[in-house]
């Protein structure tokens, strides 16, 4: 079960959300990280996206110690179709549109919940975007990485919950270009801009800990380096 230090923050959206129940997960309480002193508190022209708050750096360090170090599993049998997404969350609103509404400012939607206007800030590469078509919804822990880390042993409903998780720090709207550069790489292979390292590492560790996924040795070492950028 996940650490007892979890605190969930459900951001207000332009649509009513029906959040998914995650497999074998019970949310709990976390302490609030220092806001203005962290590297990520730097200077966006927009308010930062409302990524559900990861645990503090101190808790993330404890969670990282608990993660199993293991060689990547085989990619045999992998398909994105085994992680069904984007699913309908409420009426016509699918997971992508919910995250776009959550993470943007002044987002307008049509009667199918598609974002027709808005402004978004991409934390990965410090870009401000004004068209939903310029954005991807990134899985902080990519689907293929999850497969290599233990999701190959999950059921389809578990993978579906993972791929559409609005409750935990797993989904974020970022520029399509940065998401495609990242692909399915782990932090030792790709990382966002330096000012976002602290939040990114905390979110990555939280998700891996919550879903009992493995890490590799180089991945753990890089996450340790990224946590060192947090001001605790």
Protein backbone atom coordinates (compact mmCIF):
# COMPACT_ATOMS: atom_id res chain seq x y z
CA UNK A 1 0.00 0.00 0.00
CA UNK A 2 1.23 3.55 -0.59
CA UNK A 3 2.85 5.74 2.06
CA UNK A 4 0.54 7.31 4.62
CA UNK A 5 1.89 10.73 3.71
CA UNK A 6 -0.41 11.24 0.68
CA UNK A 7 -2.60 14.25 0.37
CA UNK A 8 -4.88 14.53 -2.64
CA UNK A 9 -5.75 17.87 -4.13
CA UNK A 10 -8.50 17.73 -6.74
CA UNK A 11 -8.25 20.82 -8.94
CA UNK A 12 -11.33 22.71 -10.09
CA UNK A 13 -12.16 22.05 -13.73
CA UNK A 14 -14.50 23.43 -16.34
CA UNK A 15 -16.36 20.16 -16.28
CA UNK A 16 -17.73 17.83 -13.58
CA UNK A 17 -15.31 14.98 -12.99
CA UNK A 18 -16.06 11.41 -12.10
CA UNK A 19 -12.68 10.27 -10.79
CA UNK A 20 -11.60 6.71 -11.26
CA UNK A 21 -11.02 4.41 -8.32
CA UNK A 22 -7.43 3.22 -8.41
CA UNK A 23 -6.58 -0.46 -7.84
CA UNK A 24 -5.77 -1.28 -4.22
CA UNK A 25 -4.97 2.31 -3.33
CA UNK A 26 -6.16 4.23 -0.29
CA UNK A 27 -5.37 7.96 -0.30
CA UNK A 28 -3.97 9.44 2.87
CA UNK A 29 -2.44 12.64 4.14
CA UNK A 30 0.74 14.41 3.09
CA UNK A 31 2.50 17.49 4.33
CA UNK A 32 2.54 20.50 2.05
CA UNK A 33 5.88 21.29 0.39
CA UNK A 34 7.37 24.75 0.65
CA UNK A 35 6.02 26.60 -2.35
CA UNK A 36 7.97 29.71 -3.16
CA UNK A 37 11.37 28.28 -2.21
CA UNK A 38 11.49 25.33 -4.59
CA UNK A 39 13.21 25.57 -8.00
CA UNK A 40 9.88 24.90 -9.68
CA UNK A 41 8.44 27.96 -8.02
CA UNK A 42 10.43 29.95 -10.51
CA UNK A 43 8.85 32.09 -12.96
CA UNK A 44 6.11 30.98 -15.17
CA UNK A 45 4.12 33.55 -16.99
CA UNK A 46 1.04 31.55 -16.01
CA UNK A 47 0.08 29.83 -12.82
CA UNK A 48 1.68 26.35 -12.76
CA UNK A 49 -0.56 23.50 -13.94
CA UNK A 50 -2.64 21.97 -11.19
CA UNK A 51 -0.82 18.65 -11.20
CA UNK A 52 -2.09 16.86 -8.07
CA UNK A 53 0.50 17.66 -5.45
CA UNK A 54 3.27 15.08 -5.11
CA UNK A 55 4.60 14.27 -1.66
CA UNK A 56 7.39 16.37 -0.23
CA UNK A 57 11.02 15.77 -1.15
CA UNK A 58 11.62 14.20 2.26
CA UNK A 59 8.78 11.72 1.77
CA UNK A 60 9.87 11.08 -1.84
CA UNK A 61 13.32 10.11 -0.57
CA UNK A 62 11.72 7.56 1.75
CA UNK A 63 9.57 6.22 -1.07
CA UNK A 64 12.58 5.99 -3.40
CA UNK A 65 14.42 3.81 -0.89
CA UNK A 66 11.45 1.45 -0.84
CA UNK A 67 11.33 1.00 -4.63
CA UNK A 68 12.65 -2.32 -5.92
CA UNK A 69 15.67 -2.09 -8.23
CA UNK A 70 15.20 -4.53 -11.09
CA UNK A 71 16.25 -4.94 -14.71
CA UNK A 72 13.61 -3.79 -17.21
CA UNK A 73 11.04 -6.44 -18.11
CA UNK A 74 10.70 -7.61 -21.69
CA UNK A 75 8.60 -5.50 -24.05
CA UNK A 76 7.14 -8.66 -25.56
CA UNK A 77 3.39 -8.30 -25.77
CA UNK A 78 3.38 -4.57 -25.11
CA UNK A 79 0.80 -2.37 -26.79
CA UNK A 80 -0.61 1.01 -25.85
CA UNK A 81 -4.00 -0.57 -26.47
CA UNK A 82 -3.43 -2.60 -23.31
CA UNK A 83 -3.67 0.71 -21.39
CA UNK A 84 -7.11 1.90 -22.61
CA UNK A 85 -7.20 5.71 -22.84
CA UNK A 86 -8.53 8.33 -23.14
CA UNK A 87 -11.73 7.18 -21.46
CA UNK A 88 -14.95 9.13 -20.89
CA UNK A 89 -14.94 10.71 -17.46
CA UNK A 90 -18.31 12.45 -17.50
CA UNK A 91 -20.66 12.73 -20.45
CA UNK A 92 -18.62 13.65 -23.53
CA UNK A 93 -15.57 14.69 -21.50
CA UNK A 94 -12.63 12.32 -21.85
CA UNK A 95 -9.46 12.31 -19.79
CA UNK A 96 -7.52 14.47 -22.24
CA UNK A 97 -10.14 17.23 -22.20
CA UNK A 98 -10.39 17.15 -18.41
CA UNK A 99 -6.63 17.69 -18.08
CA UNK A 100 -6.63 20.45 -20.70
CA UNK A 101 -9.38 22.26 -18.79
CA UNK A 102 -7.59 21.72 -15.47
CA UNK A 103 -4.13 22.83 -16.58
CA UNK A 104 -5.06 25.81 -18.75
CA UNK A 105 -6.30 29.32 -18.13
CA UNK A 106 -9.47 30.78 -19.65
CA UNK A 107 -10.21 27.45 -21.32
CA UNK A 108 -13.34 27.38 -23.47
CA UNK A 109 -14.95 24.11 -24.57
CA UNK A 110 -17.53 23.17 -27.17
CA UNK A 111 -20.53 20.93 -26.48
CA UNK A 112 -18.30 17.88 -26.99
CA UNK A 113 -15.88 19.10 -24.26
CA UNK A 114 -13.16 19.88 -26.80
CA UNK A 115 -10.97 22.83 -25.86
CA UNK A 116 -11.53 25.61 -28.41
CA UNK A 117 -9.57 28.35 -26.67
CA UNK A 118 -7.25 28.82 -23.73
CA UNK A 119 -3.68 29.42 -22.66
CA UNK A 120 -1.35 26.74 -21.34
CA UNK A 121 2.17 26.80 -19.87
CA UNK A 122 4.36 23.78 -20.58
CA UNK A 123 6.54 23.14 -17.53
CA UNK A 124 8.81 20.75 -19.42
CA UNK A 125 10.23 23.37 -21.76
CA UNK A 126 9.05 26.80 -20.55
CA UNK A 127 6.64 27.40 -23.43
CA UNK A 128 3.32 29.25 -23.42
CA UNK A 129 0.82 27.78 -25.89
CA UNK A 130 -2.53 29.06 -27.13
CA UNK A 131 -3.90 26.09 -29.07
CA UNK A 132 -4.95 22.73 -27.67
CA UNK A 133 -3.50 21.13 -30.78
CA UNK A 134 -0.02 22.14 -29.59
CA UNK A 135 -0.39 20.11 -26.42
CA UNK A 136 -0.06 16.48 -25.43
CA UNK A 137 -1.24 14.97 -22.16
CA UNK A 138 1.87 13.33 -20.79
CA UNK A 139 1.94 10.30 -18.54
CA UNK A 140 4.64 11.28 -16.03
CA UNK A 141 5.56 7.59 -15.88
CA UNK A 142 5.10 6.54 -19.52
CA UNK A 143 2.99 3.52 -20.37
CA UNK A 144 5.87 1.59 -21.90
CA UNK A 145 8.10 2.38 -18.92
CA UNK A 146 5.37 1.13 -16.61
CA UNK A 147 5.15 -2.08 -18.65
CA UNK A 148 8.90 -2.63 -18.27
CA UNK A 149 8.59 -1.85 -14.55
CA UNK A 150 5.87 -4.34 -13.66
CA UNK A 151 2.65 -3.32 -15.42
CA UNK A 152 3.14 -6.28 -17.77
CA UNK A 153 1.74 -8.34 -14.87
CA UNK A 154 -1.34 -6.17 -14.32
CA UNK A 155 -4.89 -6.73 -15.46
CA UNK A 156 -6.39 -4.53 -18.17
CA UNK A 157 -8.59 -2.66 -15.63
CA UNK A 158 -5.48 -1.83 -13.60
CA UNK A 159 -3.68 -0.52 -16.67
CA UNK A 160 -6.79 1.48 -17.62
CA UNK A 161 -6.84 3.17 -14.22
CA UNK A 162 -3.13 3.94 -14.46
CA UNK A 163 -3.47 5.47 -17.92
CA UNK A 164 -6.36 7.75 -16.88
CA UNK A 165 -5.32 8.63 -13.33
CA UNK A 166 -6.63 12.11 -12.52
CA UNK A 167 -6.22 11.70 -8.78
CA UNK A 168 -2.45 11.36 -8.54
CA UNK A 169 0.45 13.29 -10.15
CA UNK A 170 0.48 11.19 -13.32
CA UNK A 171 -1.06 13.38 -16.06
CA UNK A 172 0.01 16.86 -17.16
CA UNK A 173 -0.55 19.02 -20.24
CA UNK A 174 2.77 19.86 -21.90
CA UNK A 175 3.96 20.89 -25.34
CA UNK A 176 3.65 18.12 -27.90
CA UNK A 177 7.29 18.64 -28.88
CA UNK A 178 8.60 18.06 -25.34
CA UNK A 179 6.38 15.02 -24.84
CA UNK A 180 7.63 13.45 -28.04
CA UNK A 181 11.24 14.13 -27.09
CA UNK A 182 10.58 12.34 -23.81
CA UNK A 183 8.84 9.34 -25.38
CA UNK A 184 8.98 6.42 -22.96
CA UNK A 185 12.33 7.41 -21.43
CA UNK A 186 13.11 7.23 -17.73
CA UNK A 187 14.67 10.24 -15.94
CA UNK A 188 18.22 9.01 -16.51
CA UNK A 189 17.49 9.14 -20.26
CA UNK A 190 15.41 12.33 -20.42
CA UNK A 191 14.52 15.10 -17.98
CA UNK A 192 12.53 18.35 -18.27
CA UNK A 193 14.07 21.78 -17.84
CA UNK A 194 16.17 22.03 -14.68
CA UNK A 195 13.73 24.27 -12.77
CA UNK A 196 11.13 21.47 -12.92
CA UNK A 197 13.40 18.65 -11.75
CA UNK A 198 12.18 18.72 -8.15
CA UNK A 199 8.47 18.40 -8.96
CA UNK A 200 9.10 15.91 -11.77
CA UNK A 201 11.19 13.61 -9.56
CA UNK A 202 8.67 13.76 -6.71
CA UNK A 203 5.81 12.96 -9.09
CA UNK A 204 7.71 10.11 -10.79
CA UNK A 205 8.65 8.53 -7.46
CA UNK A 206 5.13 8.92 -6.09
CA UNK A 207 3.59 7.13 -9.06
CA UNK A 208 6.12 4.32 -9.02
CA UNK A 209 5.65 3.87 -5.28
CA UNK A 210 1.88 4.06 -5.45
CA UNK A 211 1.66 1.44 -8.20
CA UNK A 212 4.50 -0.70 -6.85
CA UNK A 213 6.57 -0.34 -10.00
CA UNK A 214 10.29 -1.05 -10.18
CA UNK A 215 13.20 1.26 -11.00
CA UNK A 216 16.59 0.59 -12.57
CA UNK A 217 19.87 1.51 -10.89
CA UNK A 218 20.61 4.47 -13.22
CA UNK A 219 17.01 5.65 -12.88
CA UNK A 220 17.26 5.68 -9.08
CA UNK A 221 20.59 7.53 -9.18
CA UNK A 222 19.17 10.23 -11.45
CA UNK A 223 16.07 10.64 -9.30
CA UNK A 224 18.33 11.12 -6.28
CA UNK A 225 20.21 13.86 -8.14
CA UNK A 226 16.92 15.51 -9.12
CA UNK A 227 15.65 15.48 -5.54
CA UNK A 228 18.84 17.26 -4.52
CA UNK A 229 17.55 20.33 -6.39
CA UNK A 230 14.62 20.59 -3.95
CA UNK A 231 14.96 23.14 -1.19
CA UNK A 232 13.48 21.45 1.86
